[in-house]
C-alpha atoms as a PDB file:
ATOM      1  CA  MET A   1      16.291 140.458  22.633  1.00  0.00           C
ATOM      2  CA  THR A   2      15.536 136.908  21.519  1.00  0.00           C
ATOM      3  CA  VAL A   3      17.129 133.558  22.230  1.00  0.00           C
ATOM      4  CA  LEU A   4      18.516 131.061  19.752  1.00  0.00           C
ATOM      5  CA  HIS A   5      18.713 127.281  20.103  1.00  0.00           C
ATOM      6  CA  THR A   6      18.899 125.440  23.419  1.00  0.00           C
ATOM      7  CA  LEU A   7      21.055 122.498  24.356  1.00  0.00           C
ATOM      8  CA  PRO A   8      19.207 119.236  25.111  1.00  0.00           C
ATOM      9  CA  ARG A   9      17.712 119.185  28.611  1.00  0.00           C
ATOM     10  CA  THR A  10      19.909 116.469  30.120  1.00  0.00           C
ATOM     11  CA  GLN A  11      20.697 118.412  33.289  1.00  0.00           C
ATOM     12  CA  THR A  12      19.464 121.491  35.098  1.00  0.00           C
ATOM     13  CA  LEU A  13      22.214 123.893  33.965  1.00  0.00           C
ATOM     14  CA  ASP A  14      22.133 125.169  30.373  1.00  0.00           C
ATOM     15  CA  CYS A  15      23.800 127.941  28.410  1.00  0.00           C
ATOM     16  CA  VAL A  16      22.050 129.996  25.743  1.00  0.00           C
ATOM     17  CA  PHE A  17      23.301 132.778  23.488  1.00  0.00           C
ATOM     18  CA  ASP A  18      20.834 135.680  23.518  1.00  0.00           C
ATOM     19  CA  THR A  19      21.082 137.857  20.402  1.00  0.00           C
ATOM     20  CA  PRO A  20      19.042 140.584  18.721  1.00  0.00           C
ATOM     21  CA  ALA A  21      18.226 138.192  15.837  1.00  0.00           C
ATOM     22  CA  GLY A  22      15.217 135.879  15.742  1.00  0.00           C
ATOM     23  CA  GLY A  23      14.776 132.598  17.601  1.00  0.00           C
ATOM     24  CA  ASP A  24      12.668 130.771  20.130  1.00  0.00           C
ATOM     25  CA  ARG A  25      12.302 132.540  23.478  1.00  0.00           C
ATOM     26  CA  ASP A  26      10.416 129.592  25.012  1.00  0.00           C
ATOM     27  CA  VAL A  27      13.745 128.143  26.184  1.00  0.00           C
ATOM     28  CA  LEU A  28      13.690 130.536  29.156  1.00  0.00           C
ATOM     29  CA  ALA A  29      10.060 129.862  30.075  1.00  0.00           C
ATOM     30  CA  GLY A  30       9.840 128.467  33.595  1.00  0.00           C
ATOM     31  CA  ARG A  31      13.611 128.607  34.084  1.00  0.00           C
ATOM     32  CA  ASN A  32      15.786 130.780  36.276  1.00  0.00           C
ATOM     33  CA  VAL A  33      18.786 132.852  35.251  1.00  0.00           C
ATOM     34  CA  LEU A  34      21.981 132.010  37.114  1.00  0.00           C
ATOM     35  CA  ALA A  35      24.052 134.684  35.337  1.00  0.00           C
ATOM     36  CA  ARG A  36      24.327 136.919  32.280  1.00  0.00           C
ATOM     37  CA  ILE A  37      27.560 137.895  30.526  1.00  0.00           C
ATOM     38  CA  GLY A  38      27.138 140.640  27.949  1.00  0.00           C
ATOM     39  CA  TYR A  39      29.687 140.452  25.135  1.00  0.00           C
ATOM     40  CA  GLY A  40      29.364 143.909  23.657  1.00  0.00           C
ATOM     41  CA  HIS A  41      30.753 147.340  22.931  1.00  0.00           C
ATOM     42  CA  HIS A  42      31.627 148.368  26.481  1.00  0.00           C
ATOM     43  CA  GLY A  43      32.604 146.880  29.823  1.00  0.00           C
ATOM     44  CA  GLY A  44      31.680 147.435  33.433  1.00  0.00           C
ATOM     45  CA  ARG A  45      31.927 146.093  36.942  1.00  0.00           C
ATOM     46  CA  PRO A  46      29.864 142.985  37.761  1.00  0.00           C
ATOM     47  CA  THR A  47      26.495 143.794  39.283  1.00  0.00           C
ATOM     48  CA  LEU A  48      23.091 142.319  40.046  1.00  0.00           C
ATOM     49  CA  TYR A  49      20.474 142.701  37.309  1.00  0.00           C
ATOM     50  CA  ARG A  50      16.931 141.327  37.475  1.00  0.00           C
ATOM     51  CA  GLY A  51      17.809 139.099  40.390  1.00  0.00           C
ATOM     52  CA  SER A  52      21.032 137.531  39.084  1.00  0.00           C
ATOM     53  CA  PRO A  53      24.646 138.508  38.321  1.00  0.00           C
ATOM     54  CA  ARG A  54      25.484 140.410  35.165  1.00  0.00           C
ATOM     55  CA  ILE A  55      28.898 141.310  33.813  1.00  0.00           C
ATOM     56  CA  ASP A  56      29.480 143.359  30.652  1.00  0.00           C
ATOM     57  CA  VAL A  57      32.733 142.841  28.773  1.00  0.00           C
ATOM     58  CA  HIS A  58      34.144 144.870  25.893  1.00  0.00           C
ATOM     59  CA  MET A  59      34.647 142.147  23.278  1.00  0.00           C
ATOM     60  CA  MET A  60      32.925 143.519  20.162  1.00  0.00           C
ATOM     61  CA  THR A  61      34.032 146.128  17.635  1.00  0.00           C
ATOM     62  CA  ALA A  62      31.545 148.815  16.616  1.00  0.00           C
ATOM     63  CA  ALA A  63      30.545 146.781  13.553  1.00  0.00           C
ATOM     64  CA  ASP A  64      29.883 143.570  15.513  1.00  0.00           C
ATOM     65  CA  VAL A  65      26.505 142.430  16.825  1.00  0.00           C
ATOM     66  CA  PRO A  66      26.649 141.936  20.612  1.00  0.00           C
ATOM     67  CA  PHE A  67      25.247 138.904  22.375  1.00  0.00           C
ATOM     68  CA  THR A  68      24.574 137.824  25.938  1.00  0.00           C
ATOM     69  CA  GLU A  69      25.706 134.471  27.301  1.00  0.00           C
ATOM     70  CA  VAL A  70      22.948 133.381  29.675  1.00  0.00           C
ATOM     71  CA  TRP A  71      23.312 130.529  32.154  1.00  0.00           C
ATOM     72  CA  VAL A  72      19.919 129.128  33.112  1.00  0.00           C
ATOM     73  CA  THR A  73      18.811 126.522  35.637  1.00  0.00           C
ATOM     74  CA  ASP A  74      15.673 124.685  36.665  1.00  0.00           C
ATOM     75  CA  ARG A  75      16.491 125.313  40.315  1.00  0.00           C
ATOM     76  CA  PRO A  76      15.711 128.392  42.437  1.00  0.00           C
ATOM     77  CA  VAL A  77      18.564 130.915  42.368  1.00  0.00           C
ATOM     78  CA  ARG A  78      20.024 132.844  45.300  1.00  0.00           C
ATOM     79  CA  CYS A  79      22.449 135.659  44.539  1.00  0.00           C
ATOM     80  CA  GLY A  80      24.502 138.280  46.316  1.00  0.00           C
ATOM     81  CA  LEU A  81      27.360 140.760  46.393  1.00  0.00           C
ATOM     82  CA  GLN A  82      30.432 140.399  48.588  1.00  0.00           C
ATOM     83  CA  ASP A  83      33.099 143.077  48.340  1.00  0.00           C
ATOM     84  CA  ASN A  84      34.020 143.118  44.626  1.00  0.00           C
ATOM     85  CA  LEU A  85      32.439 139.728  43.904  1.00  0.00           C
ATOM     86  CA  VAL A  86      29.015 139.066  42.451  1.00  0.00           C
ATOM     87  CA  TYR A  87      27.704 135.520  42.736  1.00  0.00           C
ATOM     88  CA  ALA A  88      24.727 133.210  42.417  1.00  0.00           C
ATOM     89  CA  GLU A  89      23.987 129.611  43.333  1.00  0.00           C
ATOM     90  CA  ASP A  90      21.115 127.180  42.800  1.00  0.00           C
ATOM     91  CA  GLY A  91      22.029 124.511  45.356  1.00  0.00           C
ATOM     92  CA  GLU A  92      24.082 122.538  42.840  1.00  0.00           C
ATOM     93  CA  HIS A  93      25.903 125.161  40.722  1.00  0.00           C
ATOM     94  CA  PHE A  94      27.783 128.333  41.648  1.00  0.00           C
ATOM     95  CA  PHE A  95      28.648 131.356  39.479  1.00  0.00           C
ATOM     96  CA  CYS A  96      31.082 134.094  40.476  1.00  0.00           C
ATOM     97  CA  ALA A  97      32.480 137.139  38.664  1.00  0.00           C
ATOM     98  CA  VAL A  98      35.010 139.806  39.583  1.00  0.00           C
ATOM     99  CA  ARG A  99      36.826 142.564  37.736  1.00  0.00           C
ATOM    100  CA  VAL A 100      40.497 143.462  38.177  1.00  0.00           C
ATOM    101  CA  GLU A 101      41.004 147.091  37.210  1.00  0.00           C
ATOM    102  CA  GLU A 102      43.842 148.189  34.925  1.00  0.00           C
ATOM    103  CA  SER A 103      47.199 148.024  36.664  1.00  0.00           C
ATOM    104  CA  GLY A 104      50.874 148.411  35.884  1.00  0.00           C
ATOM    105  CA  VAL A 105      51.467 144.898  37.240  1.00  0.00           C
ATOM    106  CA  TYR A 106      48.585 142.452  37.640  1.00  0.00           C
ATOM    107  CA  ARG A 107      50.150 139.545  39.528  1.00  0.00           C
ATOM    108  CA  ASP A 108      49.178 140.476  43.086  1.00  0.00           C
ATOM    109  CA  ALA A 109      45.746 141.851  42.152  1.00  0.00           C
ATOM    110  CA  VAL A 110      44.892 138.681  40.228  1.00  0.00           C
ATOM    111  CA  ARG A 111      46.125 136.521  43.101  1.00  0.00           C
ATOM    112  CA  THR A 112      43.930 138.480  45.516  1.00  0.00           C
ATOM    113  CA  ALA A 113      40.847 138.391  43.261  1.00  0.00           C
ATOM    114  CA  TYR A 114      41.135 134.658  42.651  1.00  0.00           C
ATOM    115  CA  GLY A 115      41.754 134.029  46.345  1.00  0.00           C
ATOM    116  CA  ALA A 116      38.645 135.978  47.355  1.00  0.00           C
ATOM    117  CA  ALA A 117      36.542 134.115  44.774  1.00  0.00           C
ATOM    118  CA  PHE A 118      37.885 130.727  45.881  1.00  0.00           C
ATOM    119  CA  ARG A 119      37.200 131.604  49.513  1.00  0.00           C
ATOM    120  CA  LEU A 120      33.593 132.483  48.715  1.00  0.00           C
ATOM    121  CA  ALA A 121      33.053 129.332  46.635  1.00  0.00           C
ATOM    122  CA  ARG A 122      34.436 127.171  49.431  1.00  0.00           C
ATOM    123  CA  GLN A 123      32.298 128.934  52.038  1.00  0.00           C
ATOM    124  CA  GLN A 124      29.239 128.129  49.944  1.00  0.00           C
ATOM    125  CA  GLY A 125      30.311 124.477  49.538  1.00  0.00           C
ATOM    126  CA  TYR A 126      31.136 124.544  45.803  1.00  0.00           C
ATOM    127  CA  THR A 127      34.619 123.079  45.524  1.00  0.00           C
ATOM    128  CA  ASP A 128      34.468 121.446  42.071  1.00  0.00           C
ATOM    129  CA  LEU A 129      35.531 124.104  39.553  1.00  0.00           C
ATOM    130  CA  PHE A 130      34.492 123.196  36.023  1.00  0.00           C
ATOM    131  CA  ARG A 131      34.729 126.292  33.766  1.00  0.00           C
ATOM    132  CA  MET A 132      36.576 129.627  33.899  1.00  0.00           C
ATOM    133  CA  TRP A 133      36.925 132.620  31.591  1.00  0.00           C
ATOM    134  CA  ASN A 134      39.600 135.323  31.829  1.00  0.00           C
ATOM    135  CA  LEU A 135      39.209 138.303  29.477  1.00  0.00           C
ATOM    136  CA  VAL A 136      42.455 140.272  29.470  1.00  0.00           C
ATOM    137  CA  GLY A 137      42.950 143.765  28.055  1.00  0.00           C
ATOM    138  CA  ASP A 138      46.031 144.180  25.826  1.00  0.00           C
ATOM    139  CA  ILE A 139      46.795 140.509  26.446  1.00  0.00           C
ATOM    140  CA  THR A 140      50.153 140.361  24.642  1.00  0.00           C
ATOM    141  CA  GLY A 141      51.238 143.866  25.565  1.00  0.00           C
ATOM    142  CA  ALA A 142      53.884 144.604  28.190  1.00  0.00           C
ATOM    143  CA  ASN A 143      53.221 145.492  31.807  1.00  0.00           C
ATOM    144  CA  ALA A 144      55.141 148.161  33.734  1.00  0.00           C
ATOM    145  CA  GLU A 145      58.001 145.708  34.346  1.00  0.00           C
ATOM    146  CA  GLY A 146      58.266 144.654  30.703  1.00  0.00           C
ATOM    147  CA  THR A 147      56.576 141.267  31.249  1.00  0.00           C
ATOM    148  CA  GLU A 148      53.845 140.222  28.843  1.00  0.00           C
ATOM    149  CA  ILE A 149      50.470 140.943  30.453  1.00  0.00           C
ATOM    150  CA  TYR A 150      49.190 137.412  29.889  1.00  0.00           C
ATOM    151  CA  GLN A 151      52.262 135.982  31.608  1.00  0.00           C
ATOM    152  CA  ASP A 152      51.801 138.511  34.433  1.00  0.00           C
ATOM    153  CA  PHE A 153      48.172 137.362  34.796  1.00  0.00           C
ATOM    154  CA  CYS A 154      49.175 133.678  34.708  1.00  0.00           C
ATOM    155  CA  ALA A 155      51.623 134.220  37.574  1.00  0.00           C
ATOM    156  CA  GLY A 156      48.914 135.640  39.829  1.00  0.00           C
ATOM    157  CA  ARG A 157      46.464 132.898  38.886  1.00  0.00           C
ATOM    158  CA  ALA A 158      49.057 130.160  39.511  1.00  0.00           C
ATOM    159  CA  LEU A 159      49.852 131.535  42.955  1.00  0.00           C
ATOM    160  CA  ALA A 160      46.164 131.524  43.878  1.00  0.00           C
ATOM    161  CA  PHE A 161      45.702 127.940  42.692  1.00  0.00           C
ATOM    162  CA  GLU A 162      48.761 126.902  44.689  1.00  0.00           C
ATOM    163  CA  GLU A 163      47.434 128.573  47.834  1.00  0.00           C
ATOM    164  CA  TRP A 164      43.997 126.945  47.495  1.00  0.00           C
ATOM    165  CA  SER A 165      45.093 123.527  46.186  1.00  0.00           C
ATOM    166  CA  GLU A 166      44.117 121.874  49.457  1.00  0.00           C
ATOM    167  CA  HIS A 167      40.485 122.863  48.929  1.00  0.00           C
ATOM    168  CA  PHE A 168      40.102 122.670  45.134  1.00  0.00           C
ATOM    169  CA  GLU A 169      41.254 119.515  43.379  1.00  0.00           C
ATOM    170  CA  GLY A 170      42.832 120.080  39.991  1.00  0.00           C
ATOM    171  CA  MET A 171      42.438 122.894  37.491  1.00  0.00           C
ATOM    172  CA  PRO A 172      39.330 123.238  35.307  1.00  0.00           C
ATOM    173  CA  ALA A 173      38.646 124.046  31.686  1.00  0.00           C
ATOM    174  CA  ALA A 174      39.399 127.709  31.046  1.00  0.00           C
ATOM    175  CA  THR A 175      39.812 130.398  28.444  1.00  0.00           C
ATOM    176  CA  GLY A 176      42.360 133.207  28.669  1.00  0.00           C
ATOM    177  CA  ILE A 177      41.711 135.586  25.789  1.00  0.00           C
ATOM    178  CA  GLY A 178      42.141 139.216  24.884  1.00  0.00           C
ATOM    179  CA  SER A 179      39.485 141.873  25.327  1.00  0.00           C
ATOM    180  CA  LEU A 180      39.065 145.267  23.697  1.00  0.00           C
ATOM    181  CA  GLY A 181      38.830 147.010  27.051  1.00  0.00           C
ATOM    182  CA  THR A 182      41.263 147.528  29.895  1.00  0.00           C
ATOM    183  CA  GLY A 183      41.796 145.472  33.014  1.00  0.00           C
ATOM    184  CA  ILE A 184      40.796 141.837  33.459  1.00  0.00           C
ATOM    185  CA  ASP A 185      37.274 140.416  33.728  1.00  0.00           C
ATOM    186  CA  LEU A 186      36.995 136.910  35.103  1.00  0.00           C
ATOM    187  CA  TYR A 187      34.081 134.627  35.830  1.00  0.00           C
ATOM    188  CA  PHE A 188      33.704 130.948  36.629  1.00  0.00           C
ATOM    189  CA  LEU A 189      31.329 128.091  37.352  1.00  0.00           C
ATOM    190  CA  ALA A 190      31.651 125.496  40.105  1.00  0.00           C
ATOM    191  CA  CYS A 191      29.485 122.724  41.523  1.00  0.00           C
ATOM    192  CA  ARG A 192      29.118 120.486  44.543  1.00  0.00           C
ATOM    193  CA  PRO A 193      31.923 117.910  44.987  1.00  0.00           C
ATOM    194  CA  GLY A 194      32.053 114.689  43.006  1.00  0.00           C
ATOM    195  CA  ARG A 195      30.970 115.628  39.487  1.00  0.00           C
ATOM    196  CA  THR A 196      34.072 116.830  37.630  1.00  0.00           C
ATOM    197  CA  THR A 197      36.821 115.121  35.657  1.00  0.00           C
ATOM    198  CA  HIS A 198      39.504 117.401  34.230  1.00  0.00           C
ATOM    199  CA  LEU A 199      40.759 116.362  30.806  1.00  0.00           C
ATOM    200  CA  GLU A 200      44.089 116.584  29.041  1.00  0.00           C
ATOM    201  CA  ASN A 201      44.872 116.076  25.361  1.00  0.00           C
ATOM    202  CA  PRO A 202      47.496 113.542  24.199  1.00  0.00           C
ATOM    203  CA  ARG A 203      48.432 115.948  21.379  1.00  0.00           C
ATOM    204  CA  GLN A 204      49.316 118.731  23.813  1.00  0.00           C
ATOM    205  CA  THR A 205      51.520 119.262  26.852  1.00  0.00           C
ATOM    206  CA  PRO A 206      49.393 120.003  29.938  1.00  0.00           C
ATOM    207  CA  ALA A 207      49.471 123.792  30.290  1.00  0.00           C
ATOM    208  CA  HIS A 208      50.597 123.650  33.914  1.00  0.00           C
ATOM    209  CA  ARG A 209      53.752 121.848  32.707  1.00  0.00           C
ATOM    210  CA  TYR A 210      54.791 124.441  30.135  1.00  0.00           C
ATOM    211  CA  PRO A 211      58.482 125.404  30.220  1.00  0.00           C
ATOM    212  CA  ASP A 212      59.477 128.786  31.606  1.00  0.00           C
ATOM    213  CA  ARG A 213      59.845 130.374  28.181  1.00  0.00           C
ATOM    214  CA  TYR A 214      56.060 130.886  28.400  1.00  0.00           C
ATOM    215  CA  GLY A 215      56.337 132.853  31.623  1.00  0.00           C
ATOM    216  CA  PRO A 216      57.624 132.732  35.208  1.00  0.00           C
ATOM    217  CA  LEU A 217      54.672 130.527  36.246  1.00  0.00           C
ATOM    218  CA  PRO A 218      52.712 128.333  33.821  1.00  0.00           C
ATOM    219  CA  PRO A 219      49.028 128.704  32.878  1.00  0.00           C
ATOM    220  CA  SER A 220      46.596 127.041  35.302  1.00  0.00           C
ATOM    221  CA  PHE A 221      43.937 125.151  33.343  1.00  0.00           C
ATOM    222  CA  ALA A 222      42.984 121.778  31.907  1.00  0.00           C
ATOM    223  CA  ARG A 223      42.225 121.245  28.223  1.00  0.00           C
ATOM    224  CA  GLY A 224      38.634 120.425  29.151  1.00  0.00           C
ATOM    225  CA  THR A 225      36.380 119.348  31.998  1.00  0.00           C
ATOM    226  CA  HIS A 226      33.685 116.697  32.004  1.00  0.00           C
ATOM    227  CA  LEU A 227      30.759 117.575  34.242  1.00  0.00           C
ATOM    228  CA  ALA A 228      28.658 114.574  35.182  1.00  0.00           C
ATOM    229  CA  SER A 229      24.926 115.156  34.911  1.00  0.00           C
ATOM    230  CA  ASP A 230      22.991 116.018  38.042  1.00  0.00           C
ATOM    231  CA  GLY A 231      19.949 114.334  36.508  1.00  0.00           C
ATOM    232  CA  TYR A 232      20.196 111.850  33.665  1.00  0.00           C
ATOM    233  CA  GLY A 233      22.357 111.501  30.588  1.00  0.00           C
ATOM    234  CA  PRO A 234      26.144 111.454  30.105  1.00  0.00           C
ATOM    235  CA  GLY A 235      26.787 115.021  31.249  1.00  0.00           C
ATOM    236  CA  ALA A 236      28.803 117.557  29.258  1.00  0.00           C
ATOM    237  CA  VAL A 237      32.354 118.325  28.199  1.00  0.00           C
ATOM    238  CA  TYR A 238      33.432 121.948  28.547  1.00  0.00           C
ATOM    239  CA  VAL A 239      36.178 122.554  25.990  1.00  0.00           C
ATOM    240  CA  SER A 240      38.829 125.095  26.970  1.00  0.00           C
ATOM    241  CA  GLY A 241      40.045 127.756  24.610  1.00  0.00           C
ATOM    242  CA  THR A 242      41.934 125.636  22.067  1.00  0.00           C
ATOM    243  CA  ALA A 243      44.440 126.763  19.451  1.00  0.00           C
ATOM    244  CA  SER A 244      47.100 125.564  17.020  1.00  0.00           C
ATOM    245  CA  ILE A 245      49.429 124.127  19.655  1.00  0.00           C
ATOM    246  CA  LEU A 246      51.105 120.721  19.501  1.00  0.00           C
ATOM    247  CA  GLY A 247      53.114 119.751  22.538  1.00  0.00           C
ATOM    248  CA  ASP A 248      53.720 123.250  23.848  1.00  0.00           C
ATOM    249  CA  ASP A 249      54.672 124.779  20.492  1.00  0.00           C
ATOM    250  CA  THR A 250      52.608 127.028  18.234  1.00  0.00           C
ATOM    251  CA  VAL A 251      52.469 125.402  14.804  1.00  0.00           C
ATOM    252  CA  HIS A 252      51.851 127.026  11.418  1.00  0.00           C
ATOM    253  CA  PRO A 253      52.339 130.680  12.378  1.00  0.00           C
ATOM    254  CA  ASP A 254      50.931 133.075   9.753  1.00  0.00           C
ATOM    255  CA  ASP A 255      48.781 130.337   8.143  1.00  0.00           C
ATOM    256  CA  ILE A 256      45.153 130.681   9.231  1.00  0.00           C
ATOM    257  CA  GLU A 257      43.870 127.642   7.339  1.00  0.00           C
ATOM    258  CA  ARG A 258      46.452 125.270   8.805  1.00  0.00           C
ATOM    259  CA  GLN A 259      46.004 126.720  12.284  1.00  0.00           C
ATOM    260  CA  LEU A 260      42.276 126.071  11.943  1.00  0.00           C
ATOM    261  CA  ASP A 261      43.019 122.469  10.926  1.00  0.00           C
ATOM    262  CA  VAL A 262      45.171 121.879  14.016  1.00  0.00           C
ATOM    263  CA  THR A 263      42.694 123.618  16.333  1.00  0.00           C
ATOM    264  CA  LEU A 264      39.790 121.487  15.116  1.00  0.00           C
ATOM    265  CA  ALA A 265      41.883 118.311  15.279  1.00  0.00           C
ATOM    266  CA  ASN A 266      42.880 119.138  18.859  1.00  0.00           C
ATOM    267  CA  ILE A 267      39.239 119.547  19.884  1.00  0.00           C
ATOM    268  CA  GLU A 268      38.211 116.388  18.054  1.00  0.00           C
ATOM    269  CA  THR A 269      40.880 114.387  19.894  1.00  0.00           C
ATOM    270  CA  LEU A 270      40.023 115.925  23.265  1.00  0.00           C
ATOM    271  CA  VAL A 271      36.306 115.050  23.155  1.00  0.00           C
ATOM    272  CA  SER A 272      36.694 111.668  21.440  1.00  0.00           C
ATOM    273  CA  GLU A 273      35.513 108.476  23.086  1.00  0.00           C
ATOM    274  CA  GLN A 274      39.102 107.188  23.146  1.00  0.00           C
ATOM    275  CA  ASN A 275      40.366 110.196  25.100  1.00  0.00           C
ATOM    276  CA  LEU A 276      37.394 110.352  27.461  1.00  0.00           C
ATOM    277  CA  ARG A 277      37.765 106.651  28.292  1.00  0.00           C
ATOM    278  CA  ARG A 278      41.420 107.374  29.036  1.00  0.00           C
ATOM    279  CA  HIS A 279      40.045 109.630  31.778  1.00  0.00           C
ATOM    280  CA  ALA A 280      37.490 107.008  32.926  1.00  0.00           C
ATOM    281  CA  VAL A 281      34.572 108.961  31.404  1.00  0.00           C
ATOM    282  CA  ASP A 282      31.997 106.813  29.626  1.00  0.00           C
ATOM    283  CA  ALA A 283      31.126 109.160  26.764  1.00  0.00           C
ATOM    284  CA  GLY A 284      32.428 110.369  23.436  1.00  0.00           C
ATOM    285  CA  TYR A 285      31.730 113.193  21.007  1.00  0.00           C
ATOM    286  CA  GLY A 286      32.648 114.607  17.637  1.00  0.00           C
ATOM    287  CA  LEU A 287      32.941 118.118  16.240  1.00  0.00           C
ATOM    288  CA  ALA A 288      29.327 117.977  15.068  1.00  0.00           C
ATOM    289  CA  GLU A 289      28.266 117.880  18.724  1.00  0.00           C
ATOM    290  CA  LEU A 290      30.172 121.003  19.742  1.00  0.00           C
ATOM    291  CA  ASP A 291      27.771 123.849  20.544  1.00  0.00           C
ATOM    292  CA  ARG A 292      27.881 127.262  22.207  1.00  0.00           C
ATOM    293  CA  VAL A 293      31.035 127.814  20.183  1.00  0.00           C
ATOM    294  CA  LYS A 294      33.070 130.973  20.599  1.00  0.00           C
ATOM    295  CA  VAL A 295      35.675 131.542  17.901  1.00  0.00           C
ATOM    296  CA  TYR A 296      38.329 134.153  18.649  1.00  0.00           C
ATOM    297  CA  VAL A 297      40.106 135.569  15.583  1.00  0.00           C
ATOM    298  CA  ARG A 298      43.119 137.859  15.956  1.00  0.00           C
ATOM    299  CA  ASP A 299      43.023 139.564  12.554  1.00  0.00           C
ATOM    300  CA  ALA A 300      39.790 140.863  11.018  1.00  0.00           C
ATOM    301  CA  GLU A 301      41.029 139.942   7.518  1.00  0.00           C
ATOM    302  CA  HIS A 302      40.806 136.251   8.503  1.00  0.00           C
ATOM    303  CA  LEU A 303      37.181 136.364   9.632  1.00  0.00           C
ATOM    304  CA  PRO A 304      35.641 135.403   6.235  1.00  0.00           C
ATOM    305  CA  ALA A 305      37.827 132.290   5.929  1.00  0.00           C
ATOM    306  CA  VAL A 306      37.177 131.269   9.541  1.00  0.00           C
ATOM    307  CA  ARG A 307      33.411 131.759   9.178  1.00  0.00           C
ATOM    308  CA  ALA A 308      33.380 129.692   5.995  1.00  0.00           C
ATOM    309  CA  ARG A 309      35.290 126.825   7.589  1.00  0.00           C
ATOM    310  CA  CYS A 310      33.093 126.802  10.683  1.00  0.00           C
ATOM    311  CA  ALA A 311      29.989 126.698   8.480  1.00  0.00           C
ATOM    312  CA  GLU A 312      31.368 123.492   6.966  1.00  0.00           C
ATOM    313  CA  VAL A 313      32.278 121.893  10.300  1.00  0.00           C
ATOM    314  CA  PHE A 314      29.405 122.765  12.606  1.00  0.00           C
ATOM    315  CA  PRO A 315      25.781 121.819  11.920  1.00  0.00           C
ATOM    316  CA  GLY A 316      23.195 124.512  11.230  1.00  0.00           C
ATOM    317  CA  GLY A 317      21.664 124.115  14.682  1.00  0.00           C
ATOM    318  CA  ALA A 318      24.877 125.032  16.510  1.00  0.00           C
ATOM    319  CA  ASP A 319      25.318 128.508  17.927  1.00  0.00           C
ATOM    320  CA  VAL A 320      28.665 129.933  16.803  1.00  0.00           C
ATOM    321  CA  VAL A 321      29.864 133.468  17.550  1.00  0.00           C
ATOM    322  CA  PHE A 322      32.995 135.188  16.266  1.00  0.00           C
ATOM    323  CA  LEU A 323      35.077 137.710  18.215  1.00  0.00           C
ATOM    324  CA  ASN A 324      37.913 139.788  16.743  1.00  0.00           C
ATOM    325  CA  VAL A 325      40.248 140.014  19.757  1.00  0.00           C
ATOM    326  CA  GLY A 326      43.824 139.324  20.755  1.00  0.00           C
ATOM    327  CA  ILE A 327      44.975 135.792  21.608  1.00  0.00           C
ATOM    328  CA  CYS A 328      47.375 134.727  24.350  1.00  0.00           C
ATOM    329  CA  ARG A 329      50.367 134.261  22.030  1.00  0.00           C
ATOM    330  CA  PRO A 330      51.354 136.753  19.316  1.00  0.00           C
ATOM    331  CA  ASP A 331      51.769 133.917  16.779  1.00  0.00           C
ATOM    332  CA  LEU A 332      48.307 132.407  17.333  1.00  0.00           C
ATOM    333  CA  LEU A 333      45.673 133.509  14.827  1.00  0.00           C
ATOM    334  CA  VAL A 334      42.579 131.681  16.076  1.00  0.00           C
ATOM    335  CA  GLU A 335      41.226 130.072  19.229  1.00  0.00           C
ATOM    336  CA  MET A 336      38.023 128.118  19.792  1.00  0.00           C
ATOM    337  CA  GLU A 337      35.915 126.821  22.705  1.00  0.00           C
ATOM    338  CA  GLY A 338      32.518 125.195  23.211  1.00  0.00           C
ATOM    339  CA  ILE A 339      30.369 122.636  24.994  1.00  0.00           C
ATOM    340  CA  CYS A 340      29.673 119.042  23.955  1.00  0.00           C
ATOM    341  CA  ARG A 341      26.481 117.601  25.336  1.00  0.00           C
END
């Protein structure tokens, strides 16, 4: 395995995409691995591997090239297992992963898993959540009660956030996306208090204020989170999974090109200097500064058009990966996330 490009070293926590293709492995020299997430052809329970957490998620078809998302730090790493949780921390950052096995109804299991993870993070002193991922099998299918699985998941997550709201301020950037496996894999990053600013987008209704037509309890995430640097520099903006939504409505169903236009415009607005200053963050970015980009495409037939557009938008040095998986609404064709630094 070899590693592609690294983000600028403006703080101790970095993310790299490790792929079988060529690149510069020196990025890992002298650094410590906080966690590995293998996006590949099979899934599995989180475990410890080479002294840090590893979780494998079934996100690639047989024809796709897998990759590993590696979180690295300049600080010493301590890791452990607690019940179904695997975790690591470096004194400033905390990683935690847990798997929820396939179930007829997910609400209570998700609430319990999130609650256990929040309890552990609080015990370790990491109460600023800044990035979450939720990889949901058969995301728009129906559970045993006839409720959409994503809405079932959102209900459990919302209940956990409500229960722990006294200890965790606000909701962080997050992605809720389909997987090719069963069950739900979730992992998140947190830090010591005082470094996060959760961001909303003036083009979009905050997800936690969605009307009940999107489920009995709304999704629990911000459109992005700014993480102030723990060293020097302006920090980073973690962009949530973003799609062709204006207000709370899907726009341009069945039109991949126009959905791409809206998705990119939403990200551009979110990370702009004007929007960050609205949140009292002294920074600003453009699409050319988005890196570690994951692009989720519902229909394989749209992959060539999406790849071509992303090649136009993102500079050659950016790492961009494409995943052919389900999205949280049946009428959404594409979703995108990344990091601006």
